C-alpha atoms as a PDB file:
ATOM      1  CA  UNK A   1      20.315  -6.956  -0.826  1.00  0.00           C
ATOM      2  CA  UNK A   2      17.534  -5.384   1.233  1.00  0.00           C
ATOM      3  CA  UNK A   3      18.497  -2.842   3.873  1.00  0.00           C
ATOM      4  CA  UNK A   4      16.335  -1.480   6.657  1.00  0.00           C
ATOM      5  CA  UNK A   5      17.188   1.982   7.937  1.00  0.00           C
ATOM      6  CA  UNK A   6      15.592   5.347   8.674  1.00  0.00           C
ATOM      7  CA  UNK A   7      15.671   8.836   7.205  1.00  0.00           C
ATOM      8  CA  UNK A   8      18.338  10.672   9.217  1.00  0.00           C
ATOM      9  CA  UNK A   9      18.207  14.030   7.412  1.00  0.00           C
ATOM     10  CA  UNK A  10      16.755  15.847   4.426  1.00  0.00           C
ATOM     11  CA  UNK A  11      19.534  17.774   2.708  1.00  0.00           C
ATOM     12  CA  UNK A  12      19.112  21.057   0.880  1.00  0.00           C
ATOM     13  CA  UNK A  13      20.923  19.367  -2.030  1.00  0.00           C
ATOM     14  CA  UNK A  14      17.894  17.214  -2.926  1.00  0.00           C
ATOM     15  CA  UNK A  15      19.219  14.150  -1.114  1.00  0.00           C
ATOM     16  CA  UNK A  16      17.969  12.176   1.863  1.00  0.00           C
ATOM     17  CA  UNK A  17      20.560  10.745   4.261  1.00  0.00           C
ATOM     18  CA  UNK A  18      20.097   7.139   5.372  1.00  0.00           C
ATOM     19  CA  UNK A  19      22.467   5.778   8.045  1.00  0.00           C
ATOM     20  CA  UNK A  20      23.912   2.385   7.163  1.00  0.00           C
ATOM     21  CA  UNK A  21      26.639   0.460   8.983  1.00  0.00           C
ATOM     22  CA  UNK A  22      29.251   3.023  10.062  1.00  0.00           C
ATOM     23  CA  UNK A  23      28.341   5.561   7.390  1.00  0.00           C
ATOM     24  CA  UNK A  24      25.416   6.740   5.345  1.00  0.00           C
ATOM     25  CA  UNK A  25      23.818   6.280   1.969  1.00  0.00           C
ATOM     26  CA  UNK A  26      22.636   9.411   0.154  1.00  0.00           C
ATOM     27  CA  UNK A  27      19.583   8.837  -2.045  1.00  0.00           C
ATOM     28  CA  UNK A  28      17.259  11.020  -4.073  1.00  0.00           C
ATOM     29  CA  UNK A  29      15.054  12.978  -1.693  1.00  0.00           C
ATOM     30  CA  UNK A  30      12.352  10.868  -0.058  1.00  0.00           C
ATOM     31  CA  UNK A  31       8.965  12.247   0.990  1.00  0.00           C
ATOM     32  CA  UNK A  32       9.147  10.504   4.377  1.00  0.00           C
ATOM     33  CA  UNK A  33       9.772  12.633   7.461  1.00  0.00           C
ATOM     34  CA  UNK A  34      13.077  12.542   9.331  1.00  0.00           C
ATOM     35  CA  UNK A  35      13.075   9.485  11.584  1.00  0.00           C
ATOM     36  CA  UNK A  36      10.729   7.452   9.366  1.00  0.00           C
ATOM     37  CA  UNK A  37      11.734   3.850   8.782  1.00  0.00           C
ATOM     38  CA  UNK A  38      12.496   2.917   5.199  1.00  0.00           C
ATOM     39  CA  UNK A  39      13.586  -0.169   3.292  1.00  0.00           C
ATOM     40  CA  UNK A  40      15.777  -0.189   0.237  1.00  0.00           C
ATOM     41  CA  UNK A  41      17.148  -2.607  -2.304  1.00  0.00           C
ATOM     42  CA  UNK A  42      20.772  -2.563  -3.369  1.00  0.00           C
ATOM     43  CA  UNK A  43      21.145  -4.464  -6.640  1.00  0.00           C
ATOM     44  CA  UNK A  44      24.418  -6.064  -7.659  1.00  0.00           C
ATOM     45  CA  UNK A  45      24.191  -4.296 -11.004  1.00  0.00           C
ATOM     46  CA  UNK A  46      24.199  -0.940  -9.181  1.00  0.00           C
ATOM     47  CA  UNK A  47      27.249  -1.431  -6.982  1.00  0.00           C
ATOM     48  CA  UNK A  48      30.145  -3.853  -6.758  1.00  0.00           C
ATOM     49  CA  UNK A  49      29.955  -4.874  -3.093  1.00  0.00           C
ATOM     50  CA  UNK A  50      33.119  -6.939  -3.394  1.00  0.00           C
ATOM     51  CA  UNK A  51      35.080  -3.862  -4.466  1.00  0.00           C
ATOM     52  CA  UNK A  52      34.264  -1.739  -1.418  1.00  0.00           C
ATOM     53  CA  UNK A  53      37.285  -1.036   0.798  1.00  0.00           C
ATOM     54  CA  UNK A  54      37.070  -2.869   4.131  1.00  0.00           C
ATOM     55  CA  UNK A  55      34.059  -4.818   2.896  1.00  0.00           C
ATOM     56  CA  UNK A  56      30.457  -4.277   3.911  1.00  0.00           C
ATOM     57  CA  UNK A  57      29.257  -5.835   7.172  1.00  0.00           C
ATOM     58  CA  UNK A  58      25.869  -6.870   5.837  1.00  0.00           C
ATOM     59  CA  UNK A  59      24.139  -9.901   4.473  1.00  0.00           C
ATOM     60  CA  UNK A  60      21.254 -10.410   2.058  1.00  0.00           C
ATOM     61  CA  UNK A  61      17.844 -10.769   3.728  1.00  0.00           C
ATOM     62  CA  UNK A  62      15.809 -11.450   0.586  1.00  0.00           C
ATOM     63  CA  UNK A  63      16.286 -12.767  -2.916  1.00  0.00           C
ATOM     64  CA  UNK A  64      14.272 -11.439  -5.811  1.00  0.00           C
ATOM     65  CA  UNK A  65      14.105 -12.647  -9.419  1.00  0.00           C
ATOM     66  CA  UNK A  66      15.914 -10.550 -12.003  1.00  0.00           C
ATOM     67  CA  UNK A  67      13.595  -8.296 -14.019  1.00  0.00           C
ATOM     68  CA  UNK A  68      12.747  -9.663 -17.427  1.00  0.00           C
ATOM     69  CA  UNK A  69      13.174  -6.999 -20.097  1.00  0.00           C
END
């Protein structure tokens, strides 16, 4: 799933805060300035979307082929 958001804050803990739905996603620190628009991929292998409490009000906007290793 591809999400479009912005950098809301740069934490002193080495994480960047990205608002998403009614919460936020914390990611490894990004070089973009606060307020910059960013795009991110959430892969099914990284998170079980179906297991999230209350679900996730989002929908996929792009499909990409699985990497061939």
